[in-house]
Amino acid sequence: MKIEEEIRQKPFKDVYNKAVVNLLYTHSYLVTRQSKIFKPFDLSPEQYNVLRILRGQHPSPITVSSIQDRMLNKMSNASRLVEKLKVKGMVNRTECAEDRRQVDITITEKGLAVLKELEEEVKKFNKDTLHLTEAEVETLNELLDKLRG
């Protein structure tokens, strides 16, 4: 369905404005649908993002500021997300040996197990949600990378 139909708007006067609105709307669409996958695990998309960052770093620790730098949503509060994941037993926080002002974060076995359990569902979601061929997805990725230039 075209963006004009989705948001019940007359045709855009400017293709650049349409593209930005389309990207923002699509982002919201994806996050809303993705949230439904994470809900049974009591996770938000941002918490899932933190867990993936930690899994990529595993078994080495990472600081909260480094997590923040790698987050998809730069407006997320990484400290708050880490604390929520700690309460759920999915991450550990320890004082950094080199700099006592820093805190080292690592993913727990429970966090790894949750990601493992979600892996196939997320893969299926990604494929089912993007109604594009593999070649079209490659082109989309190239265009999005170019957009951020």
N, C-alpha and C. Protein backbone atom coordinates (compact mmCIF):
# COMPACT_ATOMS: atom_id res chain seq x y z
N MET A 1 0.85 -1.18 0.00
CA MET A 1 0.00 0.00 0.00
C MET A 1 0.89 1.24 0.00
N LYS A 2 0.52 2.22 -0.80
CA LYS A 2 1.30 3.46 -0.90
C LYS A 2 1.19 4.27 0.39
N ILE A 3 2.22 5.04 0.68
CA ILE A 3 2.25 5.84 1.89
C ILE A 3 1.08 6.83 1.94
N GLU A 4 0.71 7.38 0.80
CA GLU A 4 -0.43 8.31 0.77
C GLU A 4 -1.70 7.64 1.27
N GLU A 5 -1.90 6.38 0.89
CA GLU A 5 -3.07 5.63 1.34
C GLU A 5 -2.96 5.29 2.83
N GLU A 6 -1.77 4.89 3.27
CA GLU A 6 -1.56 4.52 4.67
C GLU A 6 -1.88 5.67 5.62
N ILE A 7 -1.45 6.88 5.25
CA ILE A 7 -1.66 8.02 6.16
C ILE A 7 -2.79 8.93 5.67
N ARG A 8 -3.52 8.46 4.67
CA ARG A 8 -4.67 9.19 4.12
C ARG A 8 -4.33 10.64 3.79
N GLN A 9 -3.38 10.77 2.89
CA GLN A 9 -2.91 12.09 2.49
C GLN A 9 -3.01 12.21 0.98
N LYS A 10 -3.22 13.43 0.52
CA LYS A 10 -3.17 13.70 -0.92
C LYS A 10 -1.74 13.49 -1.38
N PRO A 11 -1.54 13.36 -2.69
CA PRO A 11 -0.17 13.14 -3.18
C PRO A 11 0.81 14.19 -2.64
N PHE A 12 2.02 13.74 -2.34
CA PHE A 12 3.06 14.65 -1.86
C PHE A 12 3.46 15.59 -2.98
N LYS A 13 3.81 16.81 -2.61
CA LYS A 13 4.26 17.79 -3.60
C LYS A 13 5.75 17.64 -3.89
N ASP A 14 6.44 16.93 -3.00
CA ASP A 14 7.89 16.84 -3.08
C ASP A 14 8.32 15.40 -2.80
N VAL A 15 9.05 14.78 -3.71
CA VAL A 15 9.45 13.38 -3.55
C VAL A 15 10.40 13.19 -2.37
N TYR A 16 11.17 14.21 -2.04
CA TYR A 16 12.09 14.10 -0.90
C TYR A 16 11.31 14.06 0.41
N ASN A 17 10.30 14.91 0.52
CA ASN A 17 9.44 14.91 1.71
C ASN A 17 8.73 13.56 1.81
N LYS A 18 8.25 13.06 0.69
CA LYS A 18 7.57 11.77 0.69
C LYS A 18 8.52 10.67 1.17
N ALA A 19 9.76 10.69 0.72
CA ALA A 19 10.74 9.67 1.11
C ALA A 19 11.00 9.72 2.62
N VAL A 20 11.16 10.91 3.17
CA VAL A 20 11.42 11.02 4.61
C VAL A 20 10.21 10.54 5.41
N VAL A 21 9.01 10.97 5.04
CA VAL A 21 7.80 10.53 5.72
C VAL A 21 7.66 9.01 5.59
N ASN A 22 7.94 8.49 4.42
CA ASN A 22 7.85 7.05 4.16
C ASN A 22 8.82 6.27 5.05
N LEU A 23 10.05 6.77 5.18
CA LEU A 23 11.04 6.11 6.05
C LEU A 23 10.61 6.15 7.51
N LEU A 24 10.13 7.29 7.97
CA LEU A 24 9.68 7.42 9.37
C LEU A 24 8.49 6.50 9.64
N TYR A 25 7.55 6.48 8.73
CA TYR A 25 6.36 5.64 8.89
C TYR A 25 6.76 4.16 8.89
N THR A 26 7.65 3.80 7.98
CA THR A 26 8.09 2.41 7.87
C THR A 26 8.85 1.98 9.11
N HIS A 27 9.66 2.86 9.66
CA HIS A 27 10.37 2.56 10.91
C HIS A 27 9.36 2.23 12.00
N SER A 28 8.36 3.06 12.16
CA SER A 28 7.34 2.85 13.19
C SER A 28 6.61 1.53 12.95
N TYR A 29 6.28 1.25 11.71
CA TYR A 29 5.61 0.01 11.31
C TYR A 29 6.45 -1.21 11.72
N LEU A 30 7.75 -1.17 11.43
CA LEU A 30 8.63 -2.29 11.74
C LEU A 30 8.79 -2.48 13.25
N VAL A 31 9.00 -1.39 13.98
CA VAL A 31 9.18 -1.49 15.43
C VAL A 31 7.92 -2.03 16.10
N THR A 32 6.76 -1.56 15.66
CA THR A 32 5.50 -2.03 16.24
C THR A 32 5.33 -3.53 16.01
N ARG A 33 5.60 -3.98 14.80
CA ARG A 33 5.46 -5.42 14.50
C ARG A 33 6.52 -6.24 15.22
N GLN A 34 7.73 -5.72 15.28
CA GLN A 34 8.83 -6.43 15.93
C GLN A 34 8.58 -6.56 17.43
N SER A 35 7.99 -5.56 18.02
CA SER A 35 7.70 -5.57 19.47
C SER A 35 6.85 -6.77 19.86
N LYS A 36 5.99 -7.21 18.95
CA LYS A 36 5.11 -8.35 19.23
C LYS A 36 5.92 -9.65 19.39
N ILE A 37 7.04 -9.75 18.70
CA ILE A 37 7.90 -10.94 18.83
C ILE A 37 8.57 -10.95 20.20
N PHE A 38 8.98 -9.78 20.66
CA PHE A 38 9.75 -9.69 21.91
C PHE A 38 8.88 -9.70 23.15
N LYS A 39 7.61 -9.35 23.01
CA LYS A 39 6.72 -9.23 24.17
C LYS A 39 6.66 -10.49 25.03
N PRO A 40 6.52 -11.69 24.45
CA PRO A 40 6.48 -12.90 25.29
C PRO A 40 7.75 -13.11 26.12
N PHE A 41 8.85 -12.47 25.71
CA PHE A 41 10.12 -12.59 26.43
C PHE A 41 10.34 -11.40 27.36
N ASP A 42 9.33 -10.55 27.47
CA ASP A 42 9.40 -9.35 28.30
C ASP A 42 10.58 -8.47 27.89
N LEU A 43 10.76 -8.33 26.58
CA LEU A 43 11.85 -7.51 26.03
C LEU A 43 11.27 -6.41 25.15
N SER A 44 11.93 -5.27 25.15
CA SER A 44 11.63 -4.21 24.19
C SER A 44 12.62 -4.37 23.02
N PRO A 45 12.34 -3.75 21.87
CA PRO A 45 13.31 -3.80 20.78
C PRO A 45 14.68 -3.24 21.19
N GLU A 46 14.69 -2.23 22.06
CA GLU A 46 15.94 -1.64 22.51
C GLU A 46 16.72 -2.62 23.41
N GLN A 47 16.00 -3.33 24.28
CA GLN A 47 16.67 -4.33 25.12
C GLN A 47 17.23 -5.46 24.26
N TYR A 48 16.48 -5.87 23.25
CA TYR A 48 16.95 -6.90 22.31
C TYR A 48 18.23 -6.42 21.63
N ASN A 49 18.26 -5.13 21.25
CA ASN A 49 19.44 -4.55 20.61
C ASN A 49 20.65 -4.63 21.54
N VAL A 50 20.46 -4.31 22.82
CA VAL A 50 21.54 -4.40 23.80
C VAL A 50 22.04 -5.85 23.90
N LEU A 51 21.13 -6.79 23.98
CA LEU A 51 21.53 -8.20 24.07
C LEU A 51 22.33 -8.63 22.85
N ARG A 52 21.93 -8.18 21.68
CA ARG A 52 22.68 -8.54 20.46
C ARG A 52 24.08 -7.93 20.47
N ILE A 53 24.19 -6.70 20.94
CA ILE A 53 25.50 -6.06 21.06
C ILE A 53 26.38 -6.87 22.00
N LEU A 54 25.82 -7.26 23.15
CA LEU A 54 26.57 -8.03 24.14
C LEU A 54 26.97 -9.40 23.61
N ARG A 55 26.07 -10.04 22.85
CA ARG A 55 26.40 -11.34 22.27
C ARG A 55 27.56 -11.19 21.28
N GLY A 56 27.56 -10.12 20.51
CA GLY A 56 28.65 -9.88 19.56
C GLY A 56 29.99 -9.65 20.25
N GLN A 57 29.95 -9.14 21.45
CA GLN A 57 31.15 -8.86 22.24
C GLN A 57 31.59 -10.07 23.07
N HIS A 58 30.65 -10.99 23.33
CA HIS A 58 30.84 -12.14 24.22
C HIS A 58 32.06 -12.97 23.82
N PRO A 59 32.92 -13.40 24.73
CA PRO A 59 32.78 -13.32 26.19
C PRO A 59 33.40 -12.06 26.80
N SER A 60 33.95 -11.18 25.97
CA SER A 60 34.58 -9.97 26.51
C SER A 60 33.53 -8.99 27.04
N PRO A 61 33.87 -8.26 28.09
CA PRO A 61 32.93 -7.26 28.61
C PRO A 61 32.95 -6.00 27.74
N ILE A 62 31.95 -5.16 27.94
CA ILE A 62 31.83 -3.90 27.21
C ILE A 62 31.25 -2.87 28.18
N THR A 63 31.63 -1.62 27.99
CA THR A 63 31.12 -0.57 28.88
C THR A 63 29.76 -0.07 28.39
N VAL A 64 29.03 0.56 29.28
CA VAL A 64 27.72 1.11 28.93
C VAL A 64 27.87 2.16 27.82
N SER A 65 28.91 2.97 27.90
CA SER A 65 29.09 4.00 26.87
C SER A 65 29.36 3.38 25.50
N SER A 66 30.08 2.25 25.47
CA SER A 66 30.31 1.56 24.19
C SER A 66 29.02 0.95 23.66
N ILE A 67 28.18 0.45 24.58
CA ILE A 67 26.86 -0.06 24.16
C ILE A 67 26.07 1.08 23.54
N GLN A 68 26.05 2.23 24.22
CA GLN A 68 25.31 3.39 23.72
C GLN A 68 25.76 3.77 22.31
N ASP A 69 27.07 3.75 22.07
CA ASP A 69 27.62 4.10 20.76
C ASP A 69 27.15 3.15 19.66
N ARG A 70 26.88 1.90 20.02
CA ARG A 70 26.50 0.89 19.03
C ARG A 70 24.99 0.72 18.87
N MET A 71 24.22 1.38 19.73
CA MET A 71 22.76 1.22 19.70
C MET A 71 22.18 1.70 18.36
N LEU A 72 21.14 1.02 17.91
CA LEU A 72 20.44 1.46 16.70
C LEU A 72 19.72 2.77 16.96
N ASN A 73 19.07 2.87 18.13
CA ASN A 73 18.37 4.09 18.51
C ASN A 73 19.27 4.87 19.46
N LYS A 74 19.93 5.90 18.95
CA LYS A 74 20.89 6.66 19.75
C LYS A 74 20.22 7.42 20.90
N MET A 75 18.90 7.54 20.86
CA MET A 75 18.18 8.24 21.93
C MET A 75 17.88 7.31 23.11
N SER A 76 18.18 6.03 22.97
CA SER A 76 17.93 5.07 24.05
C SER A 76 18.86 5.36 25.23
N ASN A 77 18.37 5.07 26.42
CA ASN A 77 19.17 5.21 27.63
C ASN A 77 19.78 3.85 27.94
N ALA A 78 21.03 3.66 27.53
CA ALA A 78 21.68 2.35 27.67
C ALA A 78 21.79 1.93 29.13
N SER A 79 22.06 2.87 30.03
CA SER A 79 22.18 2.52 31.45
C SER A 79 20.88 1.93 31.99
N ARG A 80 19.77 2.55 31.64
CA ARG A 80 18.46 2.08 32.10
C ARG A 80 18.14 0.71 31.49
N LEU A 81 18.46 0.53 30.21
CA LEU A 81 18.21 -0.74 29.54
C LEU A 81 19.03 -1.87 30.17
N VAL A 82 20.30 -1.58 30.45
CA VAL A 82 21.18 -2.57 31.08
C VAL A 82 20.64 -2.94 32.46
N GLU A 83 20.18 -1.95 33.22
CA GLU A 83 19.65 -2.22 34.56
C GLU A 83 18.42 -3.13 34.48
N LYS A 84 17.54 -2.87 33.52
CA LYS A 84 16.34 -3.72 33.35
C LYS A 84 16.74 -5.15 32.98
N LEU A 85 17.73 -5.29 32.10
CA LEU A 85 18.20 -6.61 31.71
C LEU A 85 18.91 -7.32 32.86
N LYS A 86 19.57 -6.58 33.73
CA LYS A 86 20.22 -7.15 34.91
C LYS A 86 19.17 -7.72 35.85
N VAL A 87 18.10 -6.97 36.07
CA VAL A 87 17.00 -7.43 36.92
C VAL A 87 16.41 -8.73 36.38
N LYS A 88 16.38 -8.87 35.06
CA LYS A 88 15.83 -10.07 34.42
C LYS A 88 16.85 -11.22 34.37
N GLY A 89 18.07 -10.96 34.85
CA GLY A 89 19.10 -12.00 34.87
C GLY A 89 19.76 -12.25 33.52
N MET A 90 19.66 -11.28 32.60
CA MET A 90 20.20 -11.49 31.26
C MET A 90 21.58 -10.86 31.06
N VAL A 91 21.99 -9.98 31.98
CA VAL A 91 23.31 -9.36 31.90
C VAL A 91 23.92 -9.28 33.30
N ASN A 92 25.25 -9.18 33.32
CA ASN A 92 25.99 -8.95 34.56
C ASN A 92 26.68 -7.59 34.47
N ARG A 93 26.77 -6.92 35.61
CA ARG A 93 27.50 -5.66 35.72
C ARG A 93 28.61 -5.86 36.74
N THR A 94 29.85 -5.52 36.35
CA THR A 94 30.97 -5.61 37.28
C THR A 94 31.84 -4.36 37.14
N GLU A 95 32.50 -4.01 38.21
CA GLU A 95 33.39 -2.85 38.18
C GLU A 95 34.54 -3.13 37.23
N CYS A 96 34.85 -2.17 36.40
CA CYS A 96 35.95 -2.30 35.43
C CYS A 96 37.28 -2.31 36.18
N ALA A 97 38.12 -3.29 35.89
CA ALA A 97 39.40 -3.43 36.57
C ALA A 97 40.35 -2.27 36.24
N GLU A 98 40.34 -1.78 35.00
CA GLU A 98 41.25 -0.72 34.57
C GLU A 98 40.79 0.67 35.01
N ASP A 99 39.46 0.87 35.08
CA ASP A 99 38.91 2.20 35.41
C ASP A 99 37.69 2.00 36.29
N ARG A 100 37.86 2.29 37.58
CA ARG A 100 36.79 2.01 38.54
C ARG A 100 35.55 2.87 38.30
N ARG A 101 35.68 3.91 37.48
CA ARG A 101 34.50 4.74 37.15
C ARG A 101 33.62 4.06 36.11
N GLN A 102 34.19 3.11 35.41
CA GLN A 102 33.46 2.39 34.37
C GLN A 102 32.87 1.09 34.93
N VAL A 103 31.82 0.63 34.28
CA VAL A 103 31.21 -0.64 34.65
C VAL A 103 31.25 -1.55 33.43
N ASP A 104 31.72 -2.78 33.62
CA ASP A 104 31.77 -3.77 32.54
C ASP A 104 30.45 -4.53 32.50
N ILE A 105 29.94 -4.71 31.30
CA ILE A 105 28.68 -5.42 31.10
C ILE A 105 28.98 -6.67 30.26
N THR A 106 28.41 -7.80 30.69
CA THR A 106 28.50 -9.04 29.92
C THR A 106 27.12 -9.69 29.87
N ILE A 107 26.91 -10.46 28.83
CA ILE A 107 25.64 -11.19 28.69
C ILE A 107 25.74 -12.50 29.49
N THR A 108 24.64 -12.89 30.11
CA THR A 108 24.60 -14.14 30.88
C THR A 108 24.16 -15.29 29.97
N GLU A 109 24.25 -16.49 30.50
CA GLU A 109 23.76 -17.66 29.77
C GLU A 109 22.27 -17.52 29.48
N LYS A 110 21.53 -16.95 30.42
CA LYS A 110 20.09 -16.74 30.20
C LYS A 110 19.87 -15.78 29.03
N GLY A 111 20.66 -14.70 28.96
CA GLY A 111 20.55 -13.76 27.84
C GLY A 111 20.86 -14.42 26.51
N LEU A 112 21.92 -15.24 26.50
CA LEU A 112 22.28 -15.98 25.28
C LEU A 112 21.17 -16.94 24.87
N ALA A 113 20.57 -17.61 25.86
CA ALA A 113 19.51 -18.57 25.58
C ALA A 113 18.28 -17.88 24.99
N VAL A 114 17.95 -16.71 25.51
CA VAL A 114 16.80 -15.94 24.97
C VAL A 114 17.06 -15.55 23.52
N LEU A 115 18.26 -15.08 23.23
CA LEU A 115 18.60 -14.72 21.84
C LEU A 115 18.53 -15.94 20.93
N LYS A 116 19.02 -17.07 21.42
CA LYS A 116 18.97 -18.31 20.64
C LYS A 116 17.53 -18.70 20.33
N GLU A 117 16.67 -18.56 21.34
CA GLU A 117 15.26 -18.90 21.18
C GLU A 117 14.57 -17.95 20.18
N LEU A 118 14.98 -16.70 20.17
CA LEU A 118 14.37 -15.71 19.28
C LEU A 118 14.92 -15.75 17.85
N GLU A 119 16.07 -16.36 17.67
CA GLU A 119 16.80 -16.29 16.40
C GLU A 119 15.96 -16.66 15.18
N GLU A 120 15.34 -17.83 15.20
CA GLU A 120 14.55 -18.27 14.04
C GLU A 120 13.32 -17.40 13.82
N GLU A 121 12.69 -17.00 14.92
CA GLU A 121 11.50 -16.16 14.80
C GLU A 121 11.83 -14.80 14.20
N VAL A 122 12.96 -14.22 14.61
CA VAL A 122 13.39 -12.93 14.06
C VAL A 122 13.75 -13.09 12.59
N LYS A 123 14.43 -14.16 12.26
CA LYS A 123 14.80 -14.43 10.86
C LYS A 123 13.56 -14.55 9.98
N LYS A 124 12.57 -15.29 10.47
CA LYS A 124 11.30 -15.46 9.74
C LYS A 124 10.57 -14.12 9.64
N PHE A 125 10.53 -13.38 10.73
CA PHE A 125 9.90 -12.05 10.73
C PHE A 125 10.53 -11.16 9.67
N ASN A 126 11.86 -11.11 9.64
CA ASN A 126 12.56 -10.25 8.68
C ASN A 126 12.21 -10.62 7.25
N LYS A 127 12.20 -11.90 6.97
CA LYS A 127 11.92 -12.36 5.60
C LYS A 127 10.46 -12.12 5.23
N ASP A 128 9.54 -12.41 6.17
CA ASP A 128 8.12 -12.25 5.90
C ASP A 128 7.69 -10.78 5.83
N THR A 129 8.35 -9.93 6.60
CA THR A 129 7.95 -8.53 6.67
C THR A 129 8.40 -7.75 5.45
N LEU A 130 9.58 -8.07 4.96
CA LEU A 130 10.10 -7.39 3.77
C LEU A 130 9.59 -8.13 2.54
N HIS A 131 8.60 -7.59 1.92
CA HIS A 131 7.99 -8.24 0.75
C HIS A 131 8.83 -7.93 -0.49
N LEU A 132 10.09 -8.35 -0.43
CA LEU A 132 11.05 -8.06 -1.48
C LEU A 132 11.86 -9.31 -1.79
N THR A 133 12.37 -9.36 -3.00
CA THR A 133 13.28 -10.45 -3.36
C THR A 133 14.63 -10.18 -2.69
N GLU A 134 15.49 -11.18 -2.69
CA GLU A 134 16.82 -11.00 -2.11
C GLU A 134 17.59 -9.90 -2.85
N ALA A 135 17.45 -9.86 -4.17
CA ALA A 135 18.13 -8.81 -4.96
C ALA A 135 17.59 -7.43 -4.59
N GLU A 136 16.28 -7.32 -4.40
CA GLU A 136 15.68 -6.04 -4.01
C GLU A 136 16.14 -5.62 -2.61
N VAL A 137 16.29 -6.59 -1.71
CA VAL A 137 16.77 -6.29 -0.36
C VAL A 137 18.22 -5.78 -0.43
N GLU A 138 19.04 -6.40 -1.28
CA GLU A 138 20.42 -5.93 -1.46
C GLU A 138 20.44 -4.50 -1.98
N THR A 139 19.57 -4.20 -2.95
CA THR A 139 19.47 -2.84 -3.49
C THR A 139 18.99 -1.87 -2.41
N LEU A 140 18.00 -2.28 -1.64
CA LEU A 140 17.49 -1.44 -0.55
C LEU A 140 18.61 -1.13 0.44
N ASN A 141 19.38 -2.15 0.82
CA ASN A 141 20.49 -1.93 1.75
C ASN A 141 21.51 -0.96 1.17
N GLU A 142 21.83 -1.11 -0.10
CA GLU A 142 22.78 -0.19 -0.76
C GLU A 142 22.23 1.24 -0.74
N LEU A 143 20.96 1.41 -1.04
CA LEU A 143 20.35 2.74 -1.07
C LEU A 143 20.31 3.36 0.33
N LEU A 144 19.98 2.56 1.33
CA LEU A 144 19.94 3.09 2.71
C LEU A 144 21.34 3.47 3.18
N ASP A 145 22.35 2.66 2.84
CA ASP A 145 23.73 3.01 3.18
C ASP A 145 24.13 4.32 2.48
N LYS A 146 23.74 4.45 1.23
CA LYS A 146 24.05 5.66 0.46
C LYS A 146 23.34 6.88 1.05
N LEU A 147 22.10 6.68 1.48
CA LEU A 147 21.30 7.76 2.07
C LEU A 147 22.02 8.37 3.28
N ARG A 148 22.60 7.50 4.12
CA ARG A 148 23.31 7.97 5.32
C ARG A 148 24.68 8.53 4.97
N GLY A 149 25.13 8.29 3.71
CA GLY A 149 26.31 8.79 3.11
C GLY A 149 27.53 8.97 3.86
